[in-house]
Amino acid sequence: MKSELEQIPGIGKNMAKHLINAGYPTIALLKGQNAEEIYFKDCRFQNMQVDRCALYVYRLAVAYVNGTITDPEKLKWWNWKD
């Protein structure tokens, strides 16, 4: 069964699992969150340094669910790099 998180651009089955494991199983729980904190929770859950690309996806996801994306290019996770 597909997670509702997969409605977010850049979130596939694997990244949805990361978000769920970090404590964000729904879109509602992502609203108003800090992408860096989500990333740190993901790292703690996995007990390792997760690839920073995950952080870029979390930045996109949080902006998307908060409705703050106005530039279509920001719907691509790689446009959220440092």
PDB file of N, CA and C in Angstrom:
ATOM      1  N   MET A   1       0.834  -1.186   0.000  1.00  0.00           N
ATOM      2  CA  MET A   1       0.000   0.000   0.000  1.00  0.00           C
ATOM      3  C   MET A   1       0.880   1.250   0.000  1.00  0.00           C
ATOM      4  N   LYS A   2       0.502   2.221  -0.787  1.00  0.00           N
ATOM      5  CA  LYS A   2       1.279   3.449  -0.944  1.00  0.00           C
ATOM      6  C   LYS A   2       1.021   4.395   0.228  1.00  0.00           C
ATOM      7  N   SER A   3       2.080   4.951   0.761  1.00  0.00           N
ATOM      8  CA  SER A   3       1.980   5.932   1.843  1.00  0.00           C
ATOM      9  C   SER A   3       1.481   7.260   1.290  1.00  0.00           C
ATOM     10  N   GLU A   4       0.702   7.992   2.088  1.00  0.00           N
ATOM     11  CA  GLU A   4       0.253   9.323   1.652  1.00  0.00           C
ATOM     12  C   GLU A   4       1.438  10.260   1.437  1.00  0.00           C
ATOM     13  N   LEU A   5       2.560   9.961   2.077  1.00  0.00           N
ATOM     14  CA  LEU A   5       3.762  10.781   1.924  1.00  0.00           C
ATOM     15  C   LEU A   5       4.267  10.772   0.487  1.00  0.00           C
ATOM     16  N   GLU A   6       3.949   9.710  -0.238  1.00  0.00           N
ATOM     17  CA  GLU A   6       4.413   9.581  -1.619  1.00  0.00           C
ATOM     18  C   GLU A   6       3.701  10.543  -2.574  1.00  0.00           C
ATOM     19  N   GLN A   7       2.726  11.294  -2.057  1.00  0.00           N
ATOM     20  CA  GLN A   7       2.078  12.346  -2.850  1.00  0.00           C
ATOM     21  C   GLN A   7       2.997  13.561  -2.978  1.00  0.00           C
ATOM     22  N   ILE A   8       3.980  13.640  -2.096  1.00  0.00           N
ATOM     23  CA  ILE A   8       4.912  14.767  -2.080  1.00  0.00           C
ATOM     24  C   ILE A   8       5.977  14.539  -3.148  1.00  0.00           C
ATOM     25  N   PRO A   9       6.257  15.548  -3.985  1.00  0.00           N
ATOM     26  CA  PRO A   9       7.319  15.388  -4.991  1.00  0.00           C
ATOM     27  C   PRO A   9       8.635  14.990  -4.314  1.00  0.00           C
ATOM     28  N   GLY A  10       9.331  14.035  -4.929  1.00  0.00           N
ATOM     29  CA  GLY A  10      10.620  13.596  -4.406  1.00  0.00           C
ATOM     30  C   GLY A  10      10.534  12.490  -3.361  1.00  0.00           C
ATOM     31  N   ILE A  11       9.324  12.179  -2.912  1.00  0.00           N
ATOM     32  CA  ILE A  11       9.153  11.134  -1.894  1.00  0.00           C
ATOM     33  C   ILE A  11       8.625   9.873  -2.554  1.00  0.00           C
ATOM     34  N   GLY A  12       9.491   8.871  -2.592  1.00  0.00           N
ATOM     35  CA  GLY A  12       9.095   7.565  -3.083  1.00  0.00           C
ATOM     36  C   GLY A  12       8.958   6.629  -1.889  1.00  0.00           C
ATOM     37  N   LYS A  13       8.850   5.367  -2.169  1.00  0.00           N
ATOM     38  CA  LYS A  13       8.660   4.366  -1.120  1.00  0.00           C
ATOM     39  C   LYS A  13       9.784   4.417  -0.076  1.00  0.00           C
ATOM     40  N   ASN A  14      11.027   4.506  -0.517  1.00  0.00           N
ATOM     41  CA  ASN A  14      12.173   4.507   0.390  1.00  0.00           C
ATOM     42  C   ASN A  14      12.191   5.743   1.289  1.00  0.00           C
ATOM     43  N   MET A  15      11.996   6.923   0.702  1.00  0.00           N
ATOM     44  CA  MET A  15      12.028   8.146   1.503  1.00  0.00           C
ATOM     45  C   MET A  15      10.819   8.229   2.426  1.00  0.00           C
ATOM     46  N   ALA A  16       9.693   7.691   2.003  1.00  0.00           N
ATOM     47  CA  ALA A  16       8.523   7.649   2.884  1.00  0.00           C
ATOM     48  C   ALA A  16       8.851   6.806   4.112  1.00  0.00           C
ATOM     49  N   LYS A  17       9.552   5.701   3.901  1.00  0.00           N
ATOM     50  CA  LYS A  17       9.951   4.842   5.026  1.00  0.00           C
ATOM     51  C   LYS A  17      10.888   5.605   5.978  1.00  0.00           C
ATOM     52  N   HIS A  18      11.811   6.376   5.423  1.00  0.00           N
ATOM     53  CA  HIS A  18      12.707   7.192   6.250  1.00  0.00           C
ATOM     54  C   HIS A  18      11.894   8.151   7.116  1.00  0.00           C
ATOM     55  N   LEU A  19      10.920   8.838   6.497  1.00  0.00           N
ATOM     56  CA  LEU A  19      10.104   9.798   7.238  1.00  0.00           C
ATOM     57  C   LEU A  19       9.281   9.117   8.326  1.00  0.00           C
ATOM     58  N   ILE A  20       8.711   7.987   7.995  1.00  0.00           N
ATOM     59  CA  ILE A  20       7.915   7.242   8.975  1.00  0.00           C
ATOM     60  C   ILE A  20       8.788   6.833  10.151  1.00  0.00           C
ATOM     61  N   ASN A  21       9.970   6.305   9.866  1.00  0.00           N
ATOM     62  CA  ASN A  21      10.888   5.878  10.933  1.00  0.00           C
ATOM     63  C   ASN A  21      11.375   7.039  11.785  1.00  0.00           C
ATOM     64  N   ALA A  22      11.437   8.235  11.190  1.00  0.00           N
ATOM     65  CA  ALA A  22      11.873   9.424  11.924  1.00  0.00           C
ATOM     66  C   ALA A  22      10.727  10.030  12.744  1.00  0.00           C
ATOM     67  N   GLY A  23       9.522   9.471  12.593  1.00  0.00           N
ATOM     68  CA  GLY A  23       8.389   9.939  13.391  1.00  0.00           C
ATOM     69  C   GLY A  23       7.385  10.801  12.649  1.00  0.00           C
ATOM     70  N   TYR A  24       7.418  10.747  11.326  1.00  0.00           N
ATOM     71  CA  TYR A  24       6.521  11.572  10.514  1.00  0.00           C
ATOM     72  C   TYR A  24       5.755  10.698   9.510  1.00  0.00           C
ATOM     73  N   PRO A  25       4.791   9.925   9.988  1.00  0.00           N
ATOM     74  CA  PRO A  25       4.074   9.005   9.104  1.00  0.00           C
ATOM     75  C   PRO A  25       2.980   9.653   8.249  1.00  0.00           C
ATOM     76  N   THR A  26       2.667  10.932   8.507  1.00  0.00           N
ATOM     77  CA  THR A  26       1.602  11.591   7.752  1.00  0.00           C
ATOM     78  C   THR A  26       2.042  12.980   7.290  1.00  0.00           C
ATOM     79  N   ILE A  27       1.341  13.467   6.285  1.00  0.00           N
ATOM     80  CA  ILE A  27       1.588  14.818   5.788  1.00  0.00           C
ATOM     81  C   ILE A  27       1.297  15.829   6.894  1.00  0.00           C
ATOM     82  N   ALA A  28       0.234  15.609   7.646  1.00  0.00           N
ATOM     83  CA  ALA A  28      -0.143  16.541   8.720  1.00  0.00           C
ATOM     84  C   ALA A  28       0.982  16.712   9.738  1.00  0.00           C
ATOM     85  N   LEU A  29       1.690  15.629  10.046  1.00  0.00           N
ATOM     86  CA  LEU A  29       2.774  15.709  11.024  1.00  0.00           C
ATOM     87  C   LEU A  29       4.009  16.422  10.477  1.00  0.00           C
ATOM     88  N   LEU A  30       4.129  16.511   9.166  1.00  0.00           N
ATOM     89  CA  LEU A  30       5.264  17.220   8.555  1.00  0.00           C
ATOM     90  C   LEU A  30       5.082  18.733   8.558  1.00  0.00           C
ATOM     91  N   LYS A  31       3.827  19.173   8.589  1.00  0.00           N
ATOM     92  CA  LYS A  31       3.550  20.615   8.519  1.00  0.00           C
ATOM     93  C   LYS A  31       4.201  21.336   9.688  1.00  0.00           C
ATOM     94  N   GLY A  32       4.892  22.427   9.356  1.00  0.00           N
ATOM     95  CA  GLY A  32       5.521  23.257  10.369  1.00  0.00           C
ATOM     96  C   GLY A  32       6.802  22.700  10.964  1.00  0.00           C
ATOM     97  N   GLN A  33       7.293  21.596  10.427  1.00  0.00           N
ATOM     98  CA  GLN A  33       8.500  20.966  10.960  1.00  0.00           C
ATOM     99  C   GLN A  33       9.762  21.596  10.376  1.00  0.00           C
ATOM    100  N   ASN A  34      10.871  21.262  10.993  1.00  0.00           N
ATOM    101  CA  ASN A  34      12.189  21.732  10.567  1.00  0.00           C
ATOM    102  C   ASN A  34      12.887  20.580   9.845  1.00  0.00           C
ATOM    103  N   ALA A  35      13.249  20.787   8.589  1.00  0.00           N
ATOM    104  CA  ALA A  35      13.855  19.724   7.779  1.00  0.00           C
ATOM    105  C   ALA A  35      15.151  19.208   8.394  1.00  0.00           C
ATOM    106  N   GLU A  36      15.948  20.094   8.978  1.00  0.00           N
ATOM    107  CA  GLU A  36      17.207  19.664   9.583  1.00  0.00           C
ATOM    108  C   GLU A  36      16.942  18.738  10.777  1.00  0.00           C
ATOM    109  N   GLU A  37      15.918  19.044  11.554  1.00  0.00           N
ATOM    110  CA  GLU A  37      15.576  18.188  12.697  1.00  0.00           C
ATOM    111  C   GLU A  37      15.095  16.818  12.220  1.00  0.00           C
ATOM    112  N   ILE A  38      14.327  16.798  11.150  1.00  0.00           N
ATOM    113  CA  ILE A  38      13.887  15.525  10.576  1.00  0.00           C
ATOM    114  C   ILE A  38      15.107  14.715  10.153  1.00  0.00           C
ATOM    115  N   TYR A  39      16.046  15.380   9.510  1.00  0.00           N
ATOM    116  CA  TYR A  39      17.270  14.714   9.059  1.00  0.00           C
ATOM    117  C   TYR A  39      18.040  14.120  10.251  1.00  0.00           C
ATOM    118  N   PHE A  40      18.177  14.902  11.333  1.00  0.00           N
ATOM    119  CA  PHE A  40      18.900  14.398  12.507  1.00  0.00           C
ATOM    120  C   PHE A  40      18.167  13.217  13.139  1.00  0.00           C
ATOM    121  N   LYS A  41      16.843  13.259  13.139  1.00  0.00           N
ATOM    122  CA  LYS A  41      16.066  12.131  13.672  1.00  0.00           C
ATOM    123  C   LYS A  41      16.269  10.894  12.806  1.00  0.00           C
ATOM    124  N   ASP A  42      16.332  11.091  11.493  1.00  0.00           N
ATOM    125  CA  ASP A  42      16.584   9.981  10.570  1.00  0.00           C
ATOM    126  C   ASP A  42      17.958   9.372  10.852  1.00  0.00           C
ATOM    127  N   CYS A  43      18.968  10.234  11.019  1.00  0.00           N
ATOM    128  CA  CYS A  43      20.323   9.752  11.322  1.00  0.00           C
ATOM    129  C   CYS A  43      20.334   8.960  12.638  1.00  0.00           C
ATOM    130  N   ARG A  44      19.661   9.495  13.645  1.00  0.00           N
ATOM    131  CA  ARG A  44      19.617   8.798  14.941  1.00  0.00           C
ATOM    132  C   ARG A  44      18.914   7.449  14.811  1.00  0.00           C
ATOM    133  N   PHE A  45      17.799   7.418  14.089  1.00  0.00           N
ATOM    134  CA  PHE A  45      17.070   6.163  13.919  1.00  0.00           C
ATOM    135  C   PHE A  45      17.949   5.119  13.245  1.00  0.00           C
ATOM    136  N   GLN A  46      18.691   5.530  12.230  1.00  0.00           N
ATOM    137  CA  GLN A  46      19.529   4.590  11.475  1.00  0.00           C
ATOM    138  C   GLN A  46      20.894   4.367  12.126  1.00  0.00           C
ATOM    139  N   ASN A  47      21.170   5.160  13.157  1.00  0.00           N
ATOM    140  CA  ASN A  47      22.444   5.046  13.876  1.00  0.00           C
ATOM    141  C   ASN A  47      23.634   5.217  12.935  1.00  0.00           C
ATOM    142  N   MET A  48      23.493   6.178  12.026  1.00  0.00           N
ATOM    143  CA  MET A  48      24.556   6.464  11.065  1.00  0.00           C
ATOM    144  C   MET A  48      24.298   7.824  10.420  1.00  0.00           C
ATOM    145  N   GLN A  49      25.305   8.362   9.780  1.00  0.00           N
ATOM    146  CA  GLN A  49      25.157   9.609   9.016  1.00  0.00           C
ATOM    147  C   GLN A  49      24.472   9.282   7.698  1.00  0.00           C
ATOM    148  N   VAL A  50      23.255   9.736   7.540  1.00  0.00           N
ATOM    149  CA  VAL A  50      22.488   9.502   6.315  1.00  0.00           C
ATOM    150  C   VAL A  50      22.992  10.466   5.240  1.00  0.00           C
ATOM    151  N   ASP A  51      22.972  10.030   3.998  1.00  0.00           N
ATOM    152  CA  ASP A  51      23.379  10.877   2.879  1.00  0.00           C
ATOM    153  C   ASP A  51      22.634  12.210   2.951  1.00  0.00           C
ATOM    154  N   ARG A  52      23.350  13.313   2.717  1.00  0.00           N
ATOM    155  CA  ARG A  52      22.738  14.646   2.814  1.00  0.00           C
ATOM    156  C   ARG A  52      21.642  14.865   1.776  1.00  0.00           C
ATOM    157  N   CYS A  53      21.597  14.042   0.757  1.00  0.00           N
ATOM    158  CA  CYS A  53      20.514  14.156  -0.213  1.00  0.00           C
ATOM    159  C   CYS A  53      19.155  13.995   0.480  1.00  0.00           C
ATOM    160  N   ALA A  54      19.126  13.200   1.542  1.00  0.00           N
ATOM    161  CA  ALA A  54      17.883  13.033   2.300  1.00  0.00           C
ATOM    162  C   ALA A  54      17.447  14.375   2.895  1.00  0.00           C
ATOM    163  N   LEU A  55      18.391  15.160   3.383  1.00  0.00           N
ATOM    164  CA  LEU A  55      18.077  16.476   3.926  1.00  0.00           C
ATOM    165  C   LEU A  55      17.428  17.351   2.862  1.00  0.00           C
ATOM    166  N   TYR A  56      17.940  17.291   1.645  1.00  0.00           N
ATOM    167  CA  TYR A  56      17.389  18.107   0.563  1.00  0.00           C
ATOM    168  C   TYR A  56      15.946  17.687   0.261  1.00  0.00           C
ATOM    169  N   VAL A  57      15.700  16.389   0.326  1.00  0.00           N
ATOM    170  CA  VAL A  57      14.335  15.890   0.120  1.00  0.00           C
ATOM    171  C   VAL A  57      13.434  16.371   1.254  1.00  0.00           C
ATOM    172  N   TYR A  58      13.928  16.367   2.481  1.00  0.00           N
ATOM    173  CA  TYR A  58      13.116  16.828   3.614  1.00  0.00           C
ATOM    174  C   TYR A  58      12.813  18.316   3.495  1.00  0.00           C
ATOM    175  N   ARG A  59      13.775  19.093   3.005  1.00  0.00           N
ATOM    176  CA  ARG A  59      13.527  20.528   2.796  1.00  0.00           C
ATOM    177  C   ARG A  59      12.382  20.722   1.798  1.00  0.00           C
ATOM    178  N   LEU A  60      12.433  19.977   0.704  1.00  0.00           N
ATOM    179  CA  LEU A  60      11.373  20.030  -0.292  1.00  0.00           C
ATOM    180  C   LEU A  60      10.046  19.609   0.326  1.00  0.00           C
ATOM    181  N   ALA A  61      10.042  18.497   1.044  1.00  0.00           N
ATOM    182  CA  ALA A  61       8.803  17.963   1.616  1.00  0.00           C
ATOM    183  C   ALA A  61       8.144  18.960   2.561  1.00  0.00           C
ATOM    184  N   VAL A  62       8.926  19.557   3.444  1.00  0.00           N
ATOM    185  CA  VAL A  62       8.377  20.512   4.417  1.00  0.00           C
ATOM    186  C   VAL A  62       7.829  21.741   3.697  1.00  0.00           C
ATOM    187  N   ALA A  63       8.573  22.264   2.752  1.00  0.00           N
ATOM    188  CA  ALA A  63       8.099  23.432   1.998  1.00  0.00           C
ATOM    189  C   ALA A  63       6.823  23.100   1.232  1.00  0.00           C
ATOM    190  N   TYR A  64       6.786  21.914   0.657  1.00  0.00           N
ATOM    191  CA  TYR A  64       5.619  21.488  -0.128  1.00  0.00           C
ATOM    192  C   TYR A  64       4.371  21.390   0.745  1.00  0.00           C
ATOM    193  N   VAL A  65       4.479  20.704   1.880  1.00  0.00           N
ATOM    194  CA  VAL A  65       3.293  20.531   2.734  1.00  0.00           C
ATOM    195  C   VAL A  65       2.866  21.835   3.390  1.00  0.00           C
ATOM    196  N   ASN A  66       3.799  22.777   3.525  1.00  0.00           N
ATOM    197  CA  ASN A  66       3.458  24.084   4.084  1.00  0.00           C
ATOM    198  C   ASN A  66       2.950  25.052   3.015  1.00  0.00           C
ATOM    199  N   GLY A  67       2.990  24.622   1.753  1.00  0.00           N
ATOM    200  CA  GLY A  67       2.468  25.442   0.662  1.00  0.00           C
ATOM    201  C   GLY A  67       3.307  26.664   0.336  1.00  0.00           C
ATOM    202  N   THR A  68       4.617  26.570   0.573  1.00  0.00           N
ATOM    203  CA  THR A  68       5.472  27.744   0.350  1.00  0.00           C
ATOM    204  C   THR A  68       6.262  27.698  -0.954  1.00  0.00           C
ATOM    205  N   ILE A  69       6.050  26.688  -1.764  1.00  0.00           N
ATOM    206  CA  ILE A  69       6.790  26.593  -3.030  1.00  0.00           C
ATOM    207  C   ILE A  69       6.041  27.372  -4.109  1.00  0.00           C
ATOM    208  N   THR A  70       6.727  28.354  -4.682  1.00  0.00           N
ATOM    209  CA  THR A  70       6.142  29.144  -5.764  1.00  0.00           C
ATOM    210  C   THR A  70       6.881  28.924  -7.079  1.00  0.00           C
ATOM    211  N   ASP A  71       8.120  28.467  -7.000  1.00  0.00           N
ATOM    212  CA  ASP A  71       8.937  28.216  -8.186  1.00  0.00           C
ATOM    213  C   ASP A  71       8.876  26.724  -8.518  1.00  0.00           C
ATOM    214  N   PRO A  72       8.374  26.364  -9.717  1.00  0.00           N
ATOM    215  CA  PRO A  72       8.284  24.941 -10.086  1.00  0.00           C
ATOM    216  C   PRO A  72       9.625  24.196 -10.001  1.00  0.00           C
ATOM    217  N   GLU A  73      10.728  24.915 -10.152  1.00  0.00           N
ATOM    218  CA  GLU A  73      12.046  24.273 -10.047  1.00  0.00           C
ATOM    219  C   GLU A  73      12.291  23.754  -8.628  1.00  0.00           C
ATOM    220  N   LYS A  74      11.618  24.328  -7.648  1.00  0.00           N
ATOM    221  CA  LYS A  74      11.779  23.893  -6.258  1.00  0.00           C
ATOM    222  C   LYS A  74      11.015  22.598  -5.963  1.00  0.00           C
ATOM    223  N   LEU A  75      10.323  22.058  -6.972  1.00  0.00           N
ATOM    224  CA  LEU A  75       9.668  20.762  -6.818  1.00  0.00           C
ATOM    225  C   LEU A  75      10.641  19.618  -7.082  1.00  0.00           C
ATOM    226  N   LYS A  76      11.885  19.962  -7.373  1.00  0.00           N
ATOM    227  CA  LYS A  76      12.956  18.978  -7.597  1.00  0.00           C
ATOM    228  C   LYS A  76      13.876  19.021  -6.382  1.00  0.00           C
ATOM    229  N   TRP A  77      14.074  17.877  -5.740  1.00  0.00           N
ATOM    230  CA  TRP A  77      14.829  17.847  -4.485  1.00  0.00           C
ATOM    231  C   TRP A  77      16.241  18.390  -4.632  1.00  0.00           C
ATOM    232  N   TRP A  78      16.873  18.205  -5.774  1.00  0.00           N
ATOM    233  CA  TRP A  78      18.277  18.630  -5.927  1.00  0.00           C
ATOM    234  C   TRP A  78      18.412  20.153  -5.952  1.00  0.00           C
ATOM    235  N   ASN A  79      17.307  20.849  -6.064  1.00  0.00           N
ATOM    236  CA  ASN A  79      17.352  22.315  -5.998  1.00  0.00           C
ATOM    237  C   ASN A  79      17.256  22.835  -4.562  1.00  0.00           C
ATOM    238  N   TRP A  80      17.373  21.937  -3.586  1.00  0.00           N
ATOM    239  CA  TRP A  80      17.334  22.306  -2.172  1.00  0.00           C
ATOM    240  C   TRP A  80      18.679  22.077  -1.499  1.00  0.00           C
ATOM    241  N   LYS A  81      19.735  21.950  -2.311  1.00  0.00           N
ATOM    242  CA  LYS A  81      21.083  21.742  -1.747  1.00  0.00           C
ATOM    243  C   LYS A  81      21.546  22.966  -0.988  1.00  0.00           C
ATOM    244  N   ASP A  82      22.558  22.772  -0.147  1.00  0.00           N
ATOM    245  CA  ASP A  82      23.145  23.860   0.632  1.00  0.00           C
ATOM    246  C   ASP A  82      23.732  24.912  -0.295  1.00  0.00           C
TER     247      ASP A  82
END
